[in-house]
Structures are given as structure tokens and as C-alpha cells.
């Protein structure tokens, strides 16, 4: 798969919708997991696991803990995929 932010954002959106049952049109790069999506830490963990499986990557747990919004998650995933 070509590494670009649009592809990563789409995969991330799919996992967010699947786990949190929210409208994908409401998810932007500025959307926060806890504030806007009402996700708890377990929800975020499940989203990240789903993205890791879908993209065949592994994200560092300490890096994941710093993610506040969708855009930060996309940037982290992009960085990991580029170094894969």
C-alpha cells in the first residue's frame, strides 16, 4: 500500500467508526479521541490495534499514549510506515 496521509486517515476512520459507532463525516484530523469522540483509553487501544493489524505495523505504546487527536495519530502511523 502506498504510504500517504489520505490512506492512513481512511483506515483510521474505518476503525474509529467500527469501534465507536460514529459518523465518519464527523471525523477530521482535529477530532479528539476523548473529548470529541467520547472514547476511553480502552477504545483508543482497540482503535490502534485495529490500525496496526490493517496496516501490518506496530506502534510504540509510549508514543500512542501521547496521541490526543486523529491528526496526531495519522502522523505517528505515517512515521512508522515510512520507517518500516
N, C-alpha and C. Protein backbone atom coordinates (compact mmCIF):
# COMPACT_ATOMS: atom_id res chain seq x y z
N UNK A 1 0.85 -1.18 0.00
CA UNK A 1 0.00 0.00 0.00
C UNK A 1 0.88 1.23 0.00
N UNK A 2 0.51 2.20 -0.80
CA UNK A 2 1.24 3.46 -0.83
C UNK A 2 1.03 4.19 0.50
N UNK A 3 2.10 4.73 1.01
CA UNK A 3 2.03 5.46 2.28
C UNK A 3 1.68 6.91 2.01
N UNK A 4 0.47 7.30 2.34
CA UNK A 4 0.12 8.71 2.31
C UNK A 4 -0.94 8.98 3.36
N UNK A 5 -1.04 10.23 3.73
CA UNK A 5 -1.92 10.61 4.83
C UNK A 5 -3.37 10.28 4.55
N UNK A 6 -3.81 10.39 3.30
CA UNK A 6 -5.21 10.11 2.97
C UNK A 6 -5.54 8.64 3.23
N UNK A 7 -4.65 7.72 2.79
CA UNK A 7 -4.88 6.30 3.02
C UNK A 7 -4.90 5.98 4.51
N UNK A 8 -3.96 6.54 5.24
CA UNK A 8 -3.88 6.30 6.67
C UNK A 8 -5.12 6.85 7.37
N UNK A 9 -5.53 8.03 6.99
CA UNK A 9 -6.72 8.64 7.58
C UNK A 9 -7.95 7.78 7.33
N UNK A 10 -8.08 7.24 6.13
CA UNK A 10 -9.23 6.40 5.81
C UNK A 10 -9.25 5.13 6.66
N UNK A 11 -8.09 4.48 6.81
CA UNK A 11 -8.01 3.27 7.64
C UNK A 11 -8.34 3.62 9.09
N UNK A 12 -7.80 4.71 9.57
CA UNK A 12 -8.06 5.14 10.94
C UNK A 12 -9.54 5.46 11.14
N UNK A 13 -10.14 6.15 10.19
CA UNK A 13 -11.57 6.46 10.26
C UNK A 13 -12.41 5.19 10.31
N UNK A 14 -12.06 4.20 9.46
CA UNK A 14 -12.80 2.94 9.44
C UNK A 14 -12.79 2.28 10.81
N UNK A 15 -11.63 2.27 11.45
CA UNK A 15 -11.51 1.64 12.77
C UNK A 15 -12.27 2.44 13.82
N UNK A 16 -12.21 3.76 13.74
CA UNK A 16 -12.95 4.60 14.70
C UNK A 16 -14.45 4.35 14.57
N UNK A 17 -14.95 4.32 13.34
CA UNK A 17 -16.37 4.08 13.10
C UNK A 17 -16.77 2.69 13.59
N UNK A 18 -15.93 1.70 13.29
CA UNK A 18 -16.20 0.32 13.69
C UNK A 18 -16.29 0.18 15.21
N UNK A 19 -15.39 0.81 15.93
CA UNK A 19 -15.31 0.64 17.38
C UNK A 19 -16.23 1.59 18.14
N UNK A 20 -16.35 2.83 17.67
CA UNK A 20 -17.12 3.83 18.40
C UNK A 20 -18.51 4.09 17.82
N UNK A 21 -18.78 3.52 16.65
CA UNK A 21 -20.07 3.69 16.00
C UNK A 21 -20.45 5.17 15.84
N UNK A 22 -19.54 5.93 15.25
CA UNK A 22 -19.78 7.35 15.00
C UNK A 22 -19.86 7.60 13.50
N UNK A 23 -20.38 8.75 13.13
CA UNK A 23 -20.49 9.14 11.73
C UNK A 23 -19.10 9.48 11.19
N UNK A 24 -18.66 8.80 10.12
CA UNK A 24 -17.32 9.09 9.58
C UNK A 24 -17.16 10.52 9.09
N UNK A 25 -18.25 11.18 8.72
CA UNK A 25 -18.18 12.55 8.25
C UNK A 25 -17.85 13.54 9.37
N UNK A 26 -18.00 13.10 10.61
CA UNK A 26 -17.70 13.96 11.76
C UNK A 26 -16.24 13.85 12.19
N UNK A 27 -15.47 12.95 11.54
CA UNK A 27 -14.08 12.72 11.94
C UNK A 27 -13.16 13.52 11.03
N UNK A 28 -12.40 14.42 11.64
CA UNK A 28 -11.39 15.19 10.91
C UNK A 28 -10.06 15.00 11.64
N UNK A 29 -9.02 15.58 11.10
CA UNK A 29 -7.71 15.47 11.74
C UNK A 29 -7.68 16.18 13.09
N UNK A 30 -8.57 17.13 13.31
CA UNK A 30 -8.61 17.86 14.58
C UNK A 30 -9.50 17.19 15.62
N UNK A 31 -10.23 16.15 15.23
CA UNK A 31 -11.13 15.46 16.15
C UNK A 31 -10.33 14.79 17.26
N UNK A 32 -10.70 15.08 18.51
CA UNK A 32 -10.02 14.46 19.64
C UNK A 32 -10.72 13.15 20.01
N UNK A 33 -9.93 12.18 20.42
CA UNK A 33 -10.49 10.88 20.77
C UNK A 33 -11.36 10.97 22.02
N UNK A 34 -10.85 11.59 23.06
CA UNK A 34 -11.57 11.59 24.33
C UNK A 34 -12.65 12.68 24.36
N UNK A 35 -12.30 13.90 23.98
CA UNK A 35 -13.27 14.99 24.03
C UNK A 35 -14.37 14.91 22.99
N UNK A 36 -13.99 14.79 21.71
CA UNK A 36 -14.98 14.82 20.63
C UNK A 36 -15.67 13.47 20.40
N UNK A 37 -14.92 12.40 20.52
CA UNK A 37 -15.48 11.08 20.21
C UNK A 37 -15.93 10.32 21.46
N UNK A 38 -15.69 10.89 22.63
CA UNK A 38 -16.08 10.27 23.91
C UNK A 38 -15.48 8.87 24.07
N UNK A 39 -14.27 8.69 23.56
CA UNK A 39 -13.58 7.40 23.68
C UNK A 39 -12.86 7.35 25.01
N UNK A 40 -12.77 6.14 25.58
CA UNK A 40 -11.93 5.98 26.76
C UNK A 40 -10.63 5.32 26.32
N UNK A 41 -9.74 5.10 27.25
CA UNK A 41 -8.42 4.58 26.89
C UNK A 41 -8.51 3.19 26.25
N UNK A 42 -9.47 2.38 26.66
CA UNK A 42 -9.64 1.06 26.06
C UNK A 42 -10.10 1.19 24.60
N UNK A 43 -11.00 2.14 24.33
CA UNK A 43 -11.44 2.39 22.95
C UNK A 43 -10.26 2.78 22.07
N UNK A 44 -9.44 3.69 22.56
CA UNK A 44 -8.27 4.14 21.79
C UNK A 44 -7.34 2.97 21.54
N UNK A 45 -7.12 2.15 22.54
CA UNK A 45 -6.28 0.96 22.41
C UNK A 45 -6.82 0.03 21.33
N UNK A 46 -8.13 -0.20 21.33
CA UNK A 46 -8.75 -1.07 20.31
C UNK A 46 -8.62 -0.47 18.91
N UNK A 47 -8.77 0.83 18.80
CA UNK A 47 -8.61 1.50 17.50
C UNK A 47 -7.19 1.31 16.99
N UNK A 48 -6.22 1.53 17.88
CA UNK A 48 -4.81 1.40 17.49
C UNK A 48 -4.49 -0.03 17.10
N UNK A 49 -4.99 -1.00 17.85
CA UNK A 49 -4.77 -2.41 17.49
C UNK A 49 -5.34 -2.72 16.11
N UNK A 50 -6.53 -2.20 15.83
CA UNK A 50 -7.15 -2.41 14.53
C UNK A 50 -6.33 -1.81 13.39
N UNK A 51 -5.80 -0.62 13.62
CA UNK A 51 -4.96 0.03 12.61
C UNK A 51 -3.66 -0.74 12.42
N UNK A 52 -3.07 -1.19 13.52
CA UNK A 52 -1.83 -1.98 13.43
C UNK A 52 -2.06 -3.23 12.59
N UNK A 53 -3.17 -3.92 12.84
CA UNK A 53 -3.49 -5.13 12.06
C UNK A 53 -3.73 -4.80 10.60
N UNK A 54 -4.50 -3.76 10.34
CA UNK A 54 -4.85 -3.39 8.96
C UNK A 54 -3.64 -2.98 8.15
N UNK A 55 -2.69 -2.31 8.79
CA UNK A 55 -1.54 -1.77 8.07
C UNK A 55 -0.27 -2.59 8.29
N UNK A 56 -0.37 -3.64 9.08
CA UNK A 56 0.77 -4.52 9.38
C UNK A 56 1.95 -3.72 9.93
N UNK A 57 1.65 -2.95 10.98
CA UNK A 57 2.68 -2.15 11.65
C UNK A 57 2.57 -2.38 13.15
N UNK A 58 3.53 -1.86 13.89
CA UNK A 58 3.49 -1.90 15.34
C UNK A 58 3.86 -0.51 15.87
N UNK A 59 2.98 0.04 16.68
CA UNK A 59 3.21 1.37 17.24
C UNK A 59 3.71 1.23 18.68
N UNK A 60 4.63 2.08 19.05
CA UNK A 60 5.18 2.10 20.40
C UNK A 60 4.12 2.59 21.38
N UNK A 61 3.94 1.84 22.46
CA UNK A 61 2.91 2.19 23.45
C UNK A 61 3.08 3.57 24.04
N UNK A 62 4.33 3.98 24.29
CA UNK A 62 4.57 5.31 24.86
C UNK A 62 4.17 6.40 23.87
N UNK A 63 4.42 6.17 22.58
CA UNK A 63 4.02 7.14 21.55
C UNK A 63 2.50 7.22 21.47
N UNK A 64 1.85 6.06 21.54
CA UNK A 64 0.39 6.02 21.45
C UNK A 64 -0.25 6.81 22.59
N UNK A 65 0.32 6.74 23.77
CA UNK A 65 -0.23 7.43 24.94
C UNK A 65 -0.24 8.95 24.77
N UNK A 66 0.58 9.47 23.87
CA UNK A 66 0.66 10.92 23.67
C UNK A 66 -0.33 11.42 22.62
N UNK A 67 -1.00 10.52 21.93
CA UNK A 67 -1.93 10.92 20.87
C UNK A 67 -3.19 11.53 21.47
N UNK A 68 -3.51 12.75 21.05
CA UNK A 68 -4.72 13.42 21.54
C UNK A 68 -5.81 13.49 20.47
N UNK A 69 -5.39 13.59 19.20
CA UNK A 69 -6.40 13.73 18.14
C UNK A 69 -6.05 12.85 16.93
N UNK A 70 -6.96 12.81 16.00
CA UNK A 70 -6.82 11.97 14.82
C UNK A 70 -5.60 12.36 14.00
N UNK A 71 -5.34 13.65 13.85
CA UNK A 71 -4.20 14.12 13.07
C UNK A 71 -2.88 13.63 13.66
N UNK A 72 -2.76 13.66 14.98
CA UNK A 72 -1.54 13.18 15.63
C UNK A 72 -1.37 11.67 15.39
N UNK A 73 -2.47 10.94 15.41
CA UNK A 73 -2.41 9.51 15.14
C UNK A 73 -1.94 9.24 13.71
N UNK A 74 -2.47 10.00 12.76
CA UNK A 74 -2.08 9.84 11.36
C UNK A 74 -0.58 10.09 11.20
N UNK A 75 -0.08 11.16 11.82
CA UNK A 75 1.35 11.49 11.70
C UNK A 75 2.22 10.39 12.30
N UNK A 76 1.82 9.85 13.45
CA UNK A 76 2.58 8.77 14.07
C UNK A 76 2.59 7.53 13.18
N UNK A 77 1.42 7.17 12.67
CA UNK A 77 1.31 5.99 11.80
C UNK A 77 2.14 6.19 10.54
N UNK A 78 2.06 7.38 9.95
CA UNK A 78 2.83 7.68 8.74
C UNK A 78 4.34 7.52 9.01
N UNK A 79 4.78 8.05 10.15
CA UNK A 79 6.20 7.95 10.50
C UNK A 79 6.64 6.49 10.65
N UNK A 80 5.83 5.69 11.30
CA UNK A 80 6.15 4.27 11.50
C UNK A 80 6.17 3.54 10.16
N UNK A 81 5.21 3.85 9.27
CA UNK A 81 5.16 3.17 7.96
C UNK A 81 6.34 3.56 7.09
N UNK A 82 6.80 4.80 7.18
CA UNK A 82 7.93 5.23 6.37
C UNK A 82 9.23 4.55 6.83
N UNK A 83 9.29 4.21 8.11
CA UNK A 83 10.49 3.54 8.65
C UNK A 83 10.39 2.02 8.62
N UNK A 84 9.32 1.51 8.07
CA UNK A 84 9.06 0.07 8.02
C UNK A 84 10.01 -0.63 7.08
